[in-house]
């Protein structure tokens, strides 16, 4: 009887160990499959990042009388921010910045659509307000429910230094004059993708030599420190004034570095800046 009982116990233990080993093997295989799937996804994201970087302008146009520089800091592998500078003849340059709602792949795909549409619709004849109207109608027909885009587009007339612009629901552009005075550019209308047929207003400002125009996305001014305080427009403008002696090529990295230090490098949203300086 004792031998029988011992035999049953040994057999049960052996069966239990066998089941446990089988379960462990299945778990390891599942983990391996998950790891392989994760590596594939990471590889696809890196390829998407490469494609997105190729879509963004690698070298911004240079025209006599104006310099344009950019800084781009995605909060994830890919970004929903868009910026561009488009040469419109020998004496005009168009600059723009956009922010697609959301993050990651979905926002990056919409960003690519925005870039393609903007490049297709921007002509030498359309005003910024007309361009925004065309883009809004396009995205009202092509954006999924709950998606929208903020956008700012402006054209600098180099001969007269007049800057014509339209702000489609984006953060106001910041003008810091050589004298230290500042202004914000807000005239325009609704963001893209919600109100079809919207009529946009045109804004205009005259820029002087040494004046700087800064476009940025909310990842810059809404970056938060350890107490959840936001970086803010005032701090951004103050830093631009303090670096009045620096060229645009040095100024933008200094601005982004200050934002990164403020938020401890933890960007919760894409941070993009485009700086135009008038000579």
C-alpha atoms as a PDB file:
ATOM      1  CA  UNK A   1       0.000   0.000   0.000  1.00  0.00           C
ATOM      2  CA  UNK A   2       2.824   2.363   0.919  1.00  0.00           C
ATOM      3  CA  UNK A   3       4.612   1.585  -2.328  1.00  0.00           C
ATOM      4  CA  UNK A   4       1.378   2.232  -4.244  1.00  0.00           C
ATOM      5  CA  UNK A   5       0.835   5.584  -2.569  1.00  0.00           C
ATOM      6  CA  UNK A   6       4.454   6.622  -3.145  1.00  0.00           C
ATOM      7  CA  UNK A   7       4.196   5.579  -6.764  1.00  0.00           C
ATOM      8  CA  UNK A   8       1.030   7.657  -7.261  1.00  0.00           C
ATOM      9  CA  UNK A   9       2.679  10.703  -5.675  1.00  0.00           C
ATOM     10  CA  UNK A  10       5.802  10.343  -7.801  1.00  0.00           C
ATOM     11  CA  UNK A  11       3.719   9.922 -10.929  1.00  0.00           C
ATOM     12  CA  UNK A  12       1.572  12.971 -10.081  1.00  0.00           C
ATOM     13  CA  UNK A  13       4.676  15.056  -9.427  1.00  0.00           C
ATOM     14  CA  UNK A  14       6.190  13.945 -12.695  1.00  0.00           C
ATOM     15  CA  UNK A  15       3.006  14.823 -14.555  1.00  0.00           C
ATOM     16  CA  UNK A  16       2.841  18.196 -12.814  1.00  0.00           C
ATOM     17  CA  UNK A  17       6.460  18.970 -13.676  1.00  0.00           C
ATOM     18  CA  UNK A  18       5.814  17.958 -17.276  1.00  0.00           C
ATOM     19  CA  UNK A  19       2.794  20.261 -17.492  1.00  0.00           C
ATOM     20  CA  UNK A  20       4.778  23.085 -15.863  1.00  0.00           C
ATOM     21  CA  UNK A  21       7.655  22.647 -18.280  1.00  0.00           C
ATOM     22  CA  UNK A  22       5.220  22.630 -21.211  1.00  0.00           C
ATOM     23  CA  UNK A  23       3.603  25.823 -19.931  1.00  0.00           C
ATOM     24  CA  UNK A  24       7.007  27.459 -19.443  1.00  0.00           C
ATOM     25  CA  UNK A  25       7.999  26.458 -22.972  1.00  0.00           C
ATOM     26  CA  UNK A  26       4.760  27.906 -24.374  1.00  0.00           C
ATOM     27  CA  UNK A  27       5.338  31.097 -22.385  1.00  0.00           C
ATOM     28  CA  UNK A  28       8.904  31.439 -23.678  1.00  0.00           C
ATOM     29  CA  UNK A  29       7.702  30.896 -27.247  1.00  0.00           C
ATOM     30  CA  UNK A  30       4.986  33.526 -26.769  1.00  0.00           C
ATOM     31  CA  UNK A  31       7.540  35.954 -25.345  1.00  0.00           C
ATOM     32  CA  UNK A  32       9.872  35.276 -28.262  1.00  0.00           C
ATOM     33  CA  UNK A  33       7.036  35.915 -30.719  1.00  0.00           C
ATOM     34  CA  UNK A  34       6.133  39.105 -28.874  1.00  0.00           C
ATOM     35  CA  UNK A  35       9.762  40.227 -28.876  1.00  0.00           C
ATOM     36  CA  UNK A  36      10.059  39.521 -32.590  1.00  0.00           C
ATOM     37  CA  UNK A  37       6.811  41.403 -33.232  1.00  0.00           C
ATOM     38  CA  UNK A  38       8.051  44.331 -31.132  1.00  0.00           C
ATOM     39  CA  UNK A  39      11.341  44.401 -33.026  1.00  0.00           C
ATOM     40  CA  UNK A  40       9.430  44.409 -36.328  1.00  0.00           C
ATOM     41  CA  UNK A  41       7.255  47.291 -35.123  1.00  0.00           C
ATOM     42  CA  UNK A  42      10.288  49.239 -33.937  1.00  0.00           C
ATOM     43  CA  UNK A  43      11.957  48.643 -37.294  1.00  0.00           C
ATOM     44  CA  UNK A  44       8.865  49.881 -39.120  1.00  0.00           C
ATOM     45  CA  UNK A  45       8.739  52.986 -36.910  1.00  0.00           C
ATOM     46  CA  UNK A  46      12.373  53.744 -37.642  1.00  0.00           C
ATOM     47  CA  UNK A  47      11.673  53.415 -41.371  1.00  0.00           C
ATOM     48  CA  UNK A  48       8.683  55.747 -40.937  1.00  0.00           C
ATOM     49  CA  UNK A  49      10.987  58.225 -39.161  1.00  0.00           C
ATOM     50  CA  UNK A  50      13.425  58.104 -42.077  1.00  0.00           C
ATOM     51  CA  UNK A  51      10.612  58.706 -44.568  1.00  0.00           C
ATOM     52  CA  UNK A  52       9.250  61.594 -42.527  1.00  0.00           C
ATOM     53  CA  UNK A  53      12.664  63.228 -42.233  1.00  0.00           C
ATOM     54  CA  UNK A  54      12.992  62.942 -46.005  1.00  0.00           C
ATOM     55  CA  UNK A  55       9.648  64.742 -46.455  1.00  0.00           C
ATOM     56  CA  UNK A  56      10.698  67.679 -44.292  1.00  0.00           C
ATOM     57  CA  UNK A  57      12.982  70.247 -45.953  1.00  0.00           C
ATOM     58  CA  UNK A  58      16.617  69.358 -45.414  1.00  0.00           C
ATOM     59  CA  UNK A  59      17.790  72.756 -46.572  1.00  0.00           C
ATOM     60  CA  UNK A  60      15.606  75.828 -46.353  1.00  0.00           C
ATOM     61  CA  UNK A  61      15.759  78.327 -49.223  1.00  0.00           C
ATOM     62  CA  UNK A  62      18.058  81.330 -48.898  1.00  0.00           C
ATOM     63  CA  UNK A  63      17.104  84.641 -50.458  1.00  0.00           C
ATOM     64  CA  UNK A  64      18.843  88.010 -50.251  1.00  0.00           C
ATOM     65  CA  UNK A  65      17.326  89.910 -47.357  1.00  0.00           C
ATOM     66  CA  UNK A  66      16.076  86.978 -45.251  1.00  0.00           C
ATOM     67  CA  UNK A  67      17.325  83.901 -43.407  1.00  0.00           C
ATOM     68  CA  UNK A  68      15.206  80.929 -42.354  1.00  0.00           C
ATOM     69  CA  UNK A  69      16.189  78.192 -39.916  1.00  0.00           C
ATOM     70  CA  UNK A  70      14.319  75.361 -38.176  1.00  0.00           C
ATOM     71  CA  UNK A  71      14.462  73.008 -35.201  1.00  0.00           C
ATOM     72  CA  UNK A  72      12.413  69.811 -34.923  1.00  0.00           C
ATOM     73  CA  UNK A  73      12.101  67.647 -31.783  1.00  0.00           C
ATOM     74  CA  UNK A  74       9.545  64.805 -31.994  1.00  0.00           C
ATOM     75  CA  UNK A  75       8.221  63.560 -28.674  1.00  0.00           C
ATOM     76  CA  UNK A  76       8.103  60.036 -30.139  1.00  0.00           C
ATOM     77  CA  UNK A  77       9.732  58.279 -33.071  1.00  0.00           C
ATOM     78  CA  UNK A  78       7.542  60.086 -35.612  1.00  0.00           C
ATOM     79  CA  UNK A  79       5.833  63.453 -35.425  1.00  0.00           C
ATOM     80  CA  UNK A  80       2.618  65.235 -36.348  1.00  0.00           C
ATOM     81  CA  UNK A  81       4.371  68.603 -36.765  1.00  0.00           C
ATOM     82  CA  UNK A  82       5.054  70.096 -40.192  1.00  0.00           C
ATOM     83  CA  UNK A  83       7.166  73.064 -41.223  1.00  0.00           C
ATOM     84  CA  UNK A  84       8.340  74.357 -44.558  1.00  0.00           C
ATOM     85  CA  UNK A  85       9.785  77.311 -46.438  1.00  0.00           C
ATOM     86  CA  UNK A  86       8.816  77.696 -50.079  1.00  0.00           C
ATOM     87  CA  UNK A  87      10.509  79.983 -52.558  1.00  0.00           C
ATOM     88  CA  UNK A  88       7.876  81.899 -54.522  1.00  0.00           C
ATOM     89  CA  UNK A  89       9.886  83.662 -57.203  1.00  0.00           C
ATOM     90  CA  UNK A  90      12.976  85.812 -56.728  1.00  0.00           C
ATOM     91  CA  UNK A  91      11.555  88.244 -54.191  1.00  0.00           C
ATOM     92  CA  UNK A  92       9.014  86.280 -52.143  1.00  0.00           C
ATOM     93  CA  UNK A  93       9.326  83.459 -49.668  1.00  0.00           C
ATOM     94  CA  UNK A  94       6.524  81.515 -48.017  1.00  0.00           C
ATOM     95  CA  UNK A  95       6.914  79.956 -44.569  1.00  0.00           C
ATOM     96  CA  UNK A  96       4.511  77.694 -42.731  1.00  0.00           C
ATOM     97  CA  UNK A  97       4.069  75.499 -39.713  1.00  0.00           C
ATOM     98  CA  UNK A  98       1.338  72.999 -38.871  1.00  0.00           C
ATOM     99  CA  UNK A  99       0.330  70.705 -36.040  1.00  0.00           C
ATOM    100  CA  UNK A 100      -1.809  67.607 -36.542  1.00  0.00           C
ATOM    101  CA  UNK A 101      -3.920  66.459 -33.594  1.00  0.00           C
ATOM    102  CA  UNK A 102      -2.624  63.265 -32.038  1.00  0.00           C
ATOM    103  CA  UNK A 103       0.726  61.522 -32.035  1.00  0.00           C
ATOM    104  CA  UNK A 104       2.665  58.647 -33.584  1.00  0.00           C
ATOM    105  CA  UNK A 105       1.824  56.971 -36.926  1.00  0.00           C
ATOM    106  CA  UNK A 106      -1.662  58.447 -37.441  1.00  0.00           C
ATOM    107  CA  UNK A 107      -0.429  62.006 -36.923  1.00  0.00           C
ATOM    108  CA  UNK A 108       2.617  61.346 -39.120  1.00  0.00           C
ATOM    109  CA  UNK A 109       0.411  60.147 -41.985  1.00  0.00           C
ATOM    110  CA  UNK A 110      -1.756  63.257 -41.744  1.00  0.00           C
ATOM    111  CA  UNK A 111       1.369  65.389 -41.575  1.00  0.00           C
ATOM    112  CA  UNK A 112       2.502  63.845 -44.887  1.00  0.00           C
ATOM    113  CA  UNK A 113      -0.896  64.716 -46.404  1.00  0.00           C
ATOM    114  CA  UNK A 114      -0.562  68.297 -45.149  1.00  0.00           C
ATOM    115  CA  UNK A 115       2.901  68.612 -46.637  1.00  0.00           C
ATOM    116  CA  UNK A 116       1.769  67.286 -50.025  1.00  0.00           C
ATOM    117  CA  UNK A 117      -1.362  69.466 -50.118  1.00  0.00           C
ATOM    118  CA  UNK A 118       0.501  72.602 -49.068  1.00  0.00           C
ATOM    119  CA  UNK A 119       3.174  72.099 -51.683  1.00  0.00           C
ATOM    120  CA  UNK A 120       0.522  71.430 -54.323  1.00  0.00           C
ATOM    121  CA  UNK A 121      -1.690  74.415 -53.481  1.00  0.00           C
ATOM    122  CA  UNK A 122       0.972  77.035 -52.709  1.00  0.00           C
ATOM    123  CA  UNK A 123       1.353  79.118 -55.862  1.00  0.00           C
ATOM    124  CA  UNK A 124       2.744  82.503 -56.741  1.00  0.00           C
ATOM    125  CA  UNK A 125      -0.771  83.956 -57.011  1.00  0.00           C
ATOM    126  CA  UNK A 126      -2.675  82.677 -53.955  1.00  0.00           C
ATOM    127  CA  UNK A 127      -2.611  84.820 -50.839  1.00  0.00           C
ATOM    128  CA  UNK A 128      -2.089  83.079 -47.478  1.00  0.00           C
ATOM    129  CA  UNK A 129      -5.816  83.469 -46.718  1.00  0.00           C
ATOM    130  CA  UNK A 130      -6.781  81.914 -50.059  1.00  0.00           C
ATOM    131  CA  UNK A 131      -4.357  79.049 -49.518  1.00  0.00           C
ATOM    132  CA  UNK A 132      -5.798  78.344 -46.069  1.00  0.00           C
ATOM    133  CA  UNK A 133      -9.305  78.291 -47.543  1.00  0.00           C
ATOM    134  CA  UNK A 134      -8.292  75.718 -50.140  1.00  0.00           C
ATOM    135  CA  UNK A 135      -6.492  73.565 -47.584  1.00  0.00           C
ATOM    136  CA  UNK A 136      -9.412  73.680 -45.174  1.00  0.00           C
ATOM    137  CA  UNK A 137     -11.897  72.575 -47.845  1.00  0.00           C
ATOM    138  CA  UNK A 138      -9.554  69.744 -48.824  1.00  0.00           C
ATOM    139  CA  UNK A 139      -9.169  68.463 -45.264  1.00  0.00           C
ATOM    140  CA  UNK A 140     -12.860  68.858 -44.447  1.00  0.00           C
ATOM    141  CA  UNK A 141     -13.454  66.238 -47.140  1.00  0.00           C
ATOM    142  CA  UNK A 142     -10.545  63.969 -46.249  1.00  0.00           C
ATOM    143  CA  UNK A 143     -10.043  63.996 -42.472  1.00  0.00           C
ATOM    144  CA  UNK A 144     -11.623  61.366 -40.227  1.00  0.00           C
ATOM    145  CA  UNK A 145     -14.091  62.489 -37.567  1.00  0.00           C
ATOM    146  CA  UNK A 146     -12.387  64.037 -34.559  1.00  0.00           C
ATOM    147  CA  UNK A 147      -9.195  64.915 -36.449  1.00  0.00           C
ATOM    148  CA  UNK A 148      -8.073  68.471 -37.168  1.00  0.00           C
ATOM    149  CA  UNK A 149      -4.984  70.505 -38.072  1.00  0.00           C
ATOM    150  CA  UNK A 150      -3.741  73.910 -36.946  1.00  0.00           C
ATOM    151  CA  UNK A 151      -1.714  75.836 -39.513  1.00  0.00           C
ATOM    152  CA  UNK A 152       0.073  79.125 -40.094  1.00  0.00           C
ATOM    153  CA  UNK A 153       1.207  80.385 -43.500  1.00  0.00           C
ATOM    154  CA  UNK A 154       2.881  83.658 -44.373  1.00  0.00           C
ATOM    155  CA  UNK A 155       4.614  85.290 -47.332  1.00  0.00           C
ATOM    156  CA  UNK A 156       7.432  87.826 -46.987  1.00  0.00           C
ATOM    157  CA  UNK A 157       7.781  90.372 -49.784  1.00  0.00           C
ATOM    158  CA  UNK A 158      11.522  90.976 -49.742  1.00  0.00           C
ATOM    159  CA  UNK A 159      11.341  94.235 -51.705  1.00  0.00           C
ATOM    160  CA  UNK A 160       8.989  95.927 -49.253  1.00  0.00           C
ATOM    161  CA  UNK A 161       9.504  93.695 -46.169  1.00  0.00           C
ATOM    162  CA  UNK A 162       5.719  93.316 -45.891  1.00  0.00           C
ATOM    163  CA  UNK A 163       4.670  90.023 -44.356  1.00  0.00           C
ATOM    164  CA  UNK A 164       1.207  88.751 -45.353  1.00  0.00           C
ATOM    165  CA  UNK A 165      -0.092  85.880 -43.262  1.00  0.00           C
ATOM    166  CA  UNK A 166      -3.046  83.756 -42.190  1.00  0.00           C
ATOM    167  CA  UNK A 167      -3.333  81.888 -38.898  1.00  0.00           C
ATOM    168  CA  UNK A 168      -5.675  78.888 -39.098  1.00  0.00           C
ATOM    169  CA  UNK A 169      -6.183  78.092 -35.430  1.00  0.00           C
ATOM    170  CA  UNK A 170      -2.473  77.813 -34.708  1.00  0.00           C
ATOM    171  CA  UNK A 171      -0.524  79.397 -31.867  1.00  0.00           C
ATOM    172  CA  UNK A 172       0.142  83.064 -32.712  1.00  0.00           C
ATOM    173  CA  UNK A 173       3.492  83.667 -34.376  1.00  0.00           C
ATOM    174  CA  UNK A 174       5.900  85.775 -32.327  1.00  0.00           C
ATOM    175  CA  UNK A 175       7.553  88.889 -33.741  1.00  0.00           C
ATOM    176  CA  UNK A 176      10.507  90.291 -31.796  1.00  0.00           C
ATOM    177  CA  UNK A 177      11.747  93.514 -33.303  1.00  0.00           C
ATOM    178  CA  UNK A 178      15.329  94.698 -33.221  1.00  0.00           C
ATOM    179  CA  UNK A 179      14.249  97.313 -30.682  1.00  0.00           C
ATOM    180  CA  UNK A 180      13.021  94.562 -28.334  1.00  0.00           C
ATOM    181  CA  UNK A 181       9.317  95.254 -28.885  1.00  0.00           C
ATOM    182  CA  UNK A 182       7.192  92.196 -29.565  1.00  0.00           C
ATOM    183  CA  UNK A 183       3.912  91.380 -31.265  1.00  0.00           C
ATOM    184  CA  UNK A 184       1.863  88.261 -31.978  1.00  0.00           C
ATOM    185  CA  UNK A 185       0.192  87.374 -35.290  1.00  0.00           C
ATOM    186  CA  UNK A 186      -3.305  85.987 -34.743  1.00  0.00           C
ATOM    187  CA  UNK A 187      -5.444  87.077 -37.727  1.00  0.00           C
ATOM    188  CA  UNK A 188      -6.876  84.205 -39.754  1.00  0.00           C
ATOM    189  CA  UNK A 189      -9.657  81.823 -38.859  1.00  0.00           C
ATOM    190  CA  UNK A 190     -10.617  78.293 -37.873  1.00  0.00           C
ATOM    191  CA  UNK A 191      -8.401  75.232 -37.791  1.00  0.00           C
ATOM    192  CA  UNK A 192      -8.579  72.801 -40.708  1.00  0.00           C
ATOM    193  CA  UNK A 193     -11.018  69.943 -41.040  1.00  0.00           C
ATOM    194  CA  UNK A 194     -14.045  71.144 -39.053  1.00  0.00           C
ATOM    195  CA  UNK A 195     -15.796  74.051 -40.824  1.00  0.00           C
ATOM    196  CA  UNK A 196     -16.073  73.623 -44.606  1.00  0.00           C
ATOM    197  CA  UNK A 197     -16.300  76.806 -46.631  1.00  0.00           C
ATOM    198  CA  UNK A 198     -14.703  78.948 -43.929  1.00  0.00           C
ATOM    199  CA  UNK A 199     -13.577  82.381 -45.158  1.00  0.00           C
ATOM    200  CA  UNK A 200     -10.170  83.282 -43.745  1.00  0.00           C
ATOM    201  CA  UNK A 201      -8.990  86.791 -42.961  1.00  0.00           C
ATOM    202  CA  UNK A 202      -5.648  88.135 -44.123  1.00  0.00           C
ATOM    203  CA  UNK A 203      -3.155  89.707 -41.745  1.00  0.00           C
ATOM    204  CA  UNK A 204      -0.229  91.971 -42.570  1.00  0.00           C
ATOM    205  CA  UNK A 205       2.774  93.420 -40.756  1.00  0.00           C
ATOM    206  CA  UNK A 206       5.863  95.263 -41.904  1.00  0.00           C
ATOM    207  CA  UNK A 207       9.181  93.891 -40.718  1.00  0.00           C
ATOM    208  CA  UNK A 208      12.350  95.913 -40.419  1.00  0.00           C
ATOM    209  CA  UNK A 209      16.024  94.937 -40.622  1.00  0.00           C
ATOM    210  CA  UNK A 210      16.965  92.804 -37.630  1.00  0.00           C
ATOM    211  CA  UNK A 211      13.375  91.850 -36.814  1.00  0.00           C
ATOM    212  CA  UNK A 212      12.718  88.192 -36.084  1.00  0.00           C
ATOM    213  CA  UNK A 213       9.600  86.128 -36.689  1.00  0.00           C
ATOM    214  CA  UNK A 214       9.284  82.850 -34.777  1.00  0.00           C
ATOM    215  CA  UNK A 215       6.760  80.124 -35.586  1.00  0.00           C
ATOM    216  CA  UNK A 216       6.387  77.278 -33.099  1.00  0.00           C
ATOM    217  CA  UNK A 217       4.136  74.402 -32.049  1.00  0.00           C
ATOM    218  CA  UNK A 218       2.583  73.821 -28.636  1.00  0.00           C
ATOM    219  CA  UNK A 219       5.272  71.318 -27.660  1.00  0.00           C
ATOM    220  CA  UNK A 220       7.511  74.356 -27.095  1.00  0.00           C
ATOM    221  CA  UNK A 221       5.402  76.680 -24.939  1.00  0.00           C
ATOM    222  CA  UNK A 222       3.450  73.894 -23.231  1.00  0.00           C
ATOM    223  CA  UNK A 223       6.522  71.947 -22.101  1.00  0.00           C
ATOM    224  CA  UNK A 224       6.229  71.401 -18.320  1.00  0.00           C
ATOM    225  CA  UNK A 225       8.707  71.352 -15.465  1.00  0.00           C
ATOM    226  CA  UNK A 226       8.601  69.158 -12.357  1.00  0.00           C
ATOM    227  CA  UNK A 227       5.796  71.303 -10.854  1.00  0.00           C
ATOM    228  CA  UNK A 228       3.680  71.077 -14.057  1.00  0.00           C
ATOM    229  CA  UNK A 229       4.305  74.760 -14.813  1.00  0.00           C
ATOM    230  CA  UNK A 230       4.393  75.509 -18.539  1.00  0.00           C
ATOM    231  CA  UNK A 231       7.355  77.043 -20.352  1.00  0.00           C
ATOM    232  CA  UNK A 232       5.139  79.799 -21.771  1.00  0.00           C
ATOM    233  CA  UNK A 233       5.344  82.485 -24.441  1.00  0.00           C
ATOM    234  CA  UNK A 234       6.837  85.138 -22.156  1.00  0.00           C
ATOM    235  CA  UNK A 235       9.904  83.037 -21.378  1.00  0.00           C
ATOM    236  CA  UNK A 236      10.325  82.226 -25.068  1.00  0.00           C
ATOM    237  CA  UNK A 237      10.152  85.912 -26.076  1.00  0.00           C
ATOM    238  CA  UNK A 238      12.531  86.909 -23.280  1.00  0.00           C
ATOM    239  CA  UNK A 239      15.124  84.415 -24.484  1.00  0.00           C
ATOM    240  CA  UNK A 240      14.833  85.661 -28.084  1.00  0.00           C
ATOM    241  CA  UNK A 241      15.511  89.221 -26.861  1.00  0.00           C
ATOM    242  CA  UNK A 242      18.440  88.092 -24.720  1.00  0.00           C
ATOM    243  CA  UNK A 243      20.027  86.446 -27.775  1.00  0.00           C
ATOM    244  CA  UNK A 244      19.662  89.499 -29.998  1.00  0.00           C
ATOM    245  CA  UNK A 245      23.385  89.366 -30.746  1.00  0.00           C
ATOM    246  CA  UNK A 246      23.269  85.740 -31.906  1.00  0.00           C
ATOM    247  CA  UNK A 247      22.517  84.713 -35.451  1.00  0.00           C
ATOM    248  CA  UNK A 248      19.486  82.563 -36.248  1.00  0.00           C
ATOM    249  CA  UNK A 249      21.671  79.490 -36.699  1.00  0.00           C
ATOM    250  CA  UNK A 250      22.802  79.808 -33.052  1.00  0.00           C
ATOM    251  CA  UNK A 251      19.525  81.101 -31.624  1.00  0.00           C
ATOM    252  CA  UNK A 252      17.249  78.155 -32.386  1.00  0.00           C
ATOM    253  CA  UNK A 253      19.461  75.479 -30.784  1.00  0.00           C
ATOM    254  CA  UNK A 254      19.735  77.740 -27.723  1.00  0.00           C
ATOM    255  CA  UNK A 255      15.938  78.041 -27.538  1.00  0.00           C
ATOM    256  CA  UNK A 256      15.386  74.297 -27.860  1.00  0.00           C
ATOM    257  CA  UNK A 257      18.104  73.560 -25.304  1.00  0.00           C
ATOM    258  CA  UNK A 258      16.428  75.910 -22.820  1.00  0.00           C
ATOM    259  CA  UNK A 259      13.057  74.211 -23.342  1.00  0.00           C
ATOM    260  CA  UNK A 260      14.670  70.776 -22.924  1.00  0.00           C
ATOM    261  CA  UNK A 261      16.344  71.868 -19.689  1.00  0.00           C
ATOM    262  CA  UNK A 262      13.048  73.290 -18.425  1.00  0.00           C
ATOM    263  CA  UNK A 263      11.139  70.031 -19.016  1.00  0.00           C
ATOM    264  CA  UNK A 264      14.110  67.794 -18.072  1.00  0.00           C
ATOM    265  CA  UNK A 265      14.152  66.416 -21.606  1.00  0.00           C
ATOM    266  CA  UNK A 266      10.644  64.983 -21.206  1.00  0.00           C
ATOM    267  CA  UNK A 267       8.791  66.376 -24.211  1.00  0.00           C
ATOM    268  CA  UNK A 268       5.125  65.395 -23.971  1.00  0.00           C
ATOM    269  CA  UNK A 269       4.391  66.809 -27.424  1.00  0.00           C
ATOM    270  CA  UNK A 270       6.334  67.472 -30.606  1.00  0.00           C
ATOM    271  CA  UNK A 271       8.373  70.685 -30.421  1.00  0.00           C
ATOM    272  CA  UNK A 272       9.044  72.516 -33.692  1.00  0.00           C
ATOM    273  CA  UNK A 273      10.335  76.031 -34.366  1.00  0.00           C
ATOM    274  CA  UNK A 274      10.863  78.011 -37.569  1.00  0.00           C
ATOM    275  CA  UNK A 275      12.717  81.320 -37.410  1.00  0.00           C
ATOM    276  CA  UNK A 276      12.701  84.025 -40.087  1.00  0.00           C
ATOM    277  CA  UNK A 277      15.116  86.942 -39.709  1.00  0.00           C
ATOM    278  CA  UNK A 278      14.931  89.986 -41.959  1.00  0.00           C
ATOM    279  CA  UNK A 279      18.208  91.552 -43.075  1.00  0.00           C
END
